Protein backbone atom coordinates (compact mmCIF):
# COMPACT_ATOMS: atom_id res chain seq x y z
CA MET A 1 75.10 -30.07 26.44
CA LYS A 2 74.79 -26.29 26.67
CA ARG A 3 73.86 -26.23 22.95
CA ASN A 4 71.06 -28.72 23.55
CA ILE A 5 69.70 -26.60 26.40
CA VAL A 6 69.70 -23.48 24.19
CA ILE A 7 67.84 -25.35 21.40
CA ALA A 8 65.29 -26.74 23.85
CA THR A 9 64.73 -23.26 25.29
CA LEU A 10 64.22 -21.72 21.82
CA THR A 11 61.83 -24.51 20.83
CA ALA A 12 59.77 -24.00 23.98
CA ALA A 13 59.66 -20.25 23.35
CA ALA A 14 58.52 -20.80 19.76
CA LEU A 15 55.78 -23.17 20.88
CA ALA A 16 54.65 -20.71 23.52
CA THR A 17 54.55 -17.86 20.99
CA GLY A 18 52.63 -19.98 18.50
CA GLY A 19 50.10 -20.86 21.16
CA THR A 20 49.65 -17.19 22.00
CA VAL A 21 49.12 -16.28 18.33
CA ALA A 22 46.64 -19.12 17.96
CA ALA A 23 44.82 -17.95 21.07
CA PHE A 24 44.61 -14.40 19.73
CA ALA A 25 43.39 -15.72 16.34
CA ALA A 26 40.73 -17.83 18.02
CA ALA A 27 39.65 -14.86 20.09
CA ASP A 28 39.40 -12.70 16.95
CA ASP A 29 37.31 -15.39 15.23
CA ASP A 30 34.98 -15.61 18.22
CA ALA A 31 34.60 -11.81 18.29
CA THR A 32 33.85 -11.72 14.55
CA ALA A 33 31.27 -14.50 14.87
CA THR A 34 29.65 -12.74 17.82
CA GLN A 35 29.53 -9.47 15.87
CA ARG A 36 27.98 -11.23 12.88
CA GLN A 37 25.38 -12.89 15.10
CA SER A 38 24.61 -9.55 16.76
CA THR A 39 24.21 -7.83 13.37
CA THR A 40 21.96 -10.65 12.10
CA SER A 41 19.83 -10.52 15.24
CA ALA A 42 19.47 -6.74 14.94
CA ARG A 43 18.45 -7.05 11.27
CA GLN A 44 15.90 -9.76 12.11
CA ALA A 45 14.49 -7.62 14.92
CA ALA A 46 14.19 -4.66 12.53
CA ASP A 47 12.39 -6.85 9.98
CA ARG A 48 9.98 -8.04 12.67
CA ASP A 49 9.32 -4.44 13.66
CA ASP A 50 8.60 -3.52 10.02
CA ASP A 51 6.24 -6.48 9.63
CA SER A 52 4.52 -5.57 12.87
CA ALA A 53 4.10 -1.95 11.73
CA ASP A 54 2.67 -3.12 8.38
CA ASP A 55 0.23 -5.43 10.17
CA GLN A 56 -0.85 -2.57 12.42
CA ASP A 57 -1.37 -0.32 9.38
CA ASP A 58 -3.54 -3.02 7.79
CA ARG A 59 -5.60 -3.35 10.97
CA ASP A 60 -5.99 0.43 11.11
CA ASP A 61 -7.17 0.47 7.48
CA VAL A 62 -9.76 -2.23 8.21
CA SER A 63 -10.98 -0.38 11.28
CA GLU A 64 -11.24 2.90 9.37
CA ASP A 65 -13.13 1.21 6.52
CA ARG A 66 -15.60 -0.30 8.97
CA THR A 67 -16.16 3.11 10.54
CA ALA A 68 -16.67 4.71 7.15
CA VAL A 69 -19.15 2.09 5.96
CA SER A 70 -21.16 2.21 9.17
CA GLY A 71 -21.65 5.96 8.74
CA SER A 72 -22.74 5.90 5.10
CA SER A 73 -26.03 4.89 3.49
CA VAL A 74 -24.93 6.24 0.09
CA THR A 75 -22.95 3.80 -2.06
CA ALA A 76 -19.87 4.63 -4.08
CA ALA A 77 -21.82 4.31 -7.32
CA GLU A 78 -24.52 6.67 -6.03
CA ALA A 79 -21.91 9.19 -4.88
CA ILE A 80 -20.23 9.14 -8.29
CA ALA A 81 -23.58 9.60 -10.07
CA ALA A 82 -24.44 12.58 -7.83
CA ALA A 83 -21.02 14.16 -8.39
CA LEU A 84 -21.27 13.82 -12.17
CA LYS A 85 -24.77 15.30 -12.18
CA HIS A 86 -23.41 18.36 -10.38
CA THR A 87 -20.07 18.51 -12.21
CA PRO A 88 -20.25 16.78 -15.61
CA GLY A 89 -17.06 15.14 -16.77
CA THR A 90 -15.07 11.94 -16.21
CA ALA A 91 -14.92 10.51 -12.70
CA LEU A 92 -11.45 9.22 -11.78
CA SER A 93 -11.97 8.20 -8.17
CA ALA A 94 -14.32 8.12 -5.20
CA ASP A 95 -13.16 7.87 -1.63
CA LEU A 96 -15.24 7.63 1.53
CA ASP A 97 -13.59 9.69 4.27
CA ASP A 98 -12.64 7.39 7.12
CA ASP A 99 -12.74 9.98 9.90
CA GLY A 100 -16.37 9.44 10.79
CA ALA A 101 -17.58 9.23 7.16
CA ASP A 102 -17.86 13.00 6.77
CA ALA A 103 -18.33 12.74 3.01
CA TRP A 104 -17.63 10.94 -0.20
CA GLU A 105 -14.95 12.74 -2.20
CA VAL A 106 -15.25 12.21 -5.94
CA THR A 107 -12.57 13.43 -8.35
CA VAL A 108 -13.97 14.61 -11.68
CA VAL A 109 -12.12 15.90 -14.76
CA LYS A 110 -14.23 18.21 -16.91
CA GLY A 111 -14.10 18.40 -20.68
CA ASP A 112 -11.66 21.32 -20.61
CA GLY A 113 -9.21 19.33 -18.48
CA THR A 114 -9.89 21.06 -15.17
CA GLU A 115 -10.11 18.79 -12.16
CA TYR A 116 -12.64 19.10 -9.33
CA ASP A 117 -13.08 17.39 -5.98
CA VAL A 118 -16.81 17.00 -5.35
CA ARG A 119 -17.96 16.20 -1.82
CA ILE A 120 -21.12 14.16 -1.35
CA ALA A 121 -23.02 13.71 1.91
CA PRO A 122 -22.84 10.01 2.88
CA ASP A 123 -26.30 9.96 4.40
CA SER A 124 -28.34 11.88 1.82
CA GLY A 125 -26.32 11.97 -1.40
CA LYS A 126 -26.51 15.76 -1.54
CA VAL A 127 -23.61 17.73 -2.97
CA LEU A 128 -21.77 19.51 -0.16
CA GLY A 129 -19.47 21.43 -2.47
CA ALA A 130 -17.05 21.24 -5.37
CA GLN A 131 -13.53 22.61 -5.33
CA ARG A 132 -11.25 23.02 -8.30
CA ASP A 133 -7.89 21.33 -7.95
CA THR A 134 -5.29 23.98 -8.78
CA ASP A 135 -2.37 21.58 -8.37
CA ASP A 136 -0.82 21.50 -11.84
CA ASP A 137 1.53 18.54 -11.36
CA SER A 138 -0.17 15.97 -13.60
CA ASP A 139 2.41 13.81 -15.37
CA ALA A 140 2.43 11.51 -18.38
CA ASP A 141 1.02 8.63 -16.30
CA ASP A 142 -1.93 10.76 -15.19
CA ARG A 143 -2.66 11.78 -18.78
CA ALA A 144 -2.38 8.17 -19.93
CA GLU A 145 -4.81 7.03 -17.24
CA LEU A 146 -7.30 9.74 -18.19
CA ALA A 147 -7.05 8.78 -21.87
CA ALA A 148 -7.56 5.10 -21.00
CA VAL A 149 -10.65 5.88 -18.91
CA LYS A 150 -12.20 8.07 -21.59
CA GLY A 151 -11.97 5.22 -24.08
CA ALA A 152 -13.04 2.51 -21.65
CA ARG A 153 -16.28 0.55 -21.64
CA THR A 154 -16.34 0.54 -17.83
CA ASP A 155 -16.45 3.88 -16.03
CA ALA A 156 -15.94 4.61 -12.34
CA ARG A 157 -19.61 4.16 -11.44
CA GLU A 158 -19.81 0.82 -13.24
CA ALA A 159 -16.56 -0.30 -11.59
CA ALA A 160 -18.06 0.54 -8.19
CA LEU A 161 -21.21 -1.43 -9.04
CA ALA A 162 -19.13 -4.43 -10.14
CA ALA A 163 -16.95 -4.36 -7.02
CA ALA A 164 -20.04 -4.08 -4.81
CA ALA A 165 -20.57 -7.79 -5.39
CA LYS A 166 -17.51 -8.31 -3.16
CA GLY A 167 -18.70 -6.05 -0.33
CA ALA A 168 -19.43 -2.44 0.56
CA VAL A 169 -17.13 -0.27 -1.57
CA THR A 170 -15.17 2.36 0.35
CA GLU A 171 -12.86 3.52 -2.43
CA VAL A 172 -12.57 3.38 -6.21
CA GLY A 173 -9.55 4.61 -8.15
CA LEU A 174 -7.15 3.91 -10.98
CA ASP A 175 -3.96 1.90 -11.04
CA ASP A 176 -1.35 1.49 -13.77
CA ASP A 177 0.08 -1.98 -13.27
CA HIS A 178 2.97 -2.65 -15.66
CA GLY A 179 1.40 -0.48 -18.34
CA THR A 180 -2.13 -1.88 -17.91
CA VAL A 181 -4.59 0.63 -16.47
CA ALA A 182 -7.40 -0.82 -14.35
CA TRP A 183 -9.89 0.31 -11.78
CA THR A 184 -9.12 -0.61 -8.19
CA ALA A 185 -11.66 -0.94 -5.40
CA ASP A 186 -11.51 -1.41 -1.64
CA THR A 187 -14.38 -3.24 0.03
CA VAL A 188 -15.55 -4.29 3.46
CA LYS A 189 -17.64 -7.42 4.01
CA ASP A 190 -18.37 -9.15 7.31
CA GLY A 191 -15.74 -6.97 8.95
CA ARG A 192 -13.04 -8.02 6.49
CA HIS A 193 -11.15 -5.80 4.06
CA GLY A 194 -10.72 -6.67 0.39
CA GLU A 195 -8.87 -5.12 -2.54
CA TRP A 196 -9.91 -5.75 -6.14
CA LYS A 197 -9.12 -4.82 -9.73
CA VAL A 198 -11.87 -4.11 -12.26
CA ALA A 199 -10.98 -4.37 -15.95
CA LEU A 200 -11.64 -1.25 -18.03
CA ASP A 201 -12.82 -3.21 -21.04
CA SER A 202 -14.94 -5.99 -19.53
CA GLY A 203 -15.72 -4.88 -15.98
CA ARG A 204 -14.39 -8.22 -14.73
CA VAL A 205 -13.50 -8.21 -11.04
CA THR A 206 -10.37 -10.01 -9.85
CA GLN A 207 -8.45 -10.05 -6.60
CA ASP A 208 -5.65 -7.52 -6.37
CA ARG A 209 -2.54 -9.72 -6.29
CA ASP A 210 -0.63 -7.02 -4.45
CA ASP A 211 -3.05 -7.41 -1.54
CA ASP A 212 -1.89 -9.97 0.99
CA GLY A 213 -4.35 -9.13 3.71
CA ASP A 214 -7.85 -10.35 4.46
CA ASP A 215 -10.13 -10.47 1.45
CA ALA A 216 -13.88 -10.46 1.54
């Protein structure tokens, strides 16, 4: 009889201990699940913040482009032509300042390889000045782009003219996409921002596939 009581007592103790272990295990699982959910929620919130910041940047770009266009009567093609008349060479880019459209800034590489930034008045097309770029950090990609442009059928001015069919051009430049160099152009039309690629060989204008915003 006493033996049976001892066995029953040990069995009850074992069951109680097992229940406690199970309870602790369940609690640990709940804590882990809660931690995972908290981490996932934090990551999703961070992603939403990043997307929101990107959207705000896009809206700021559109607003700045509208401001620039409204303050300029000189087109990108006209600015490039004026810059090249003042500083002969190869035009690589033209950018309309977006802080009140102070000036077009056209980058020109002369025959001896020196690079100049030529500023053009957006209302009259007059040359405001030309400054030599003393930054000597051009790399292989820069040299490849320059070589591609020099042998191209479509120059910066012609790229600006082609892109103008999509809206008022606010910027023209070069882009090396997977080894293929092309002109890029930003436009504004009916208050909407567009980004385009212009082929060096044909002058064909296509939508920039990296652009996921509003297109004109």
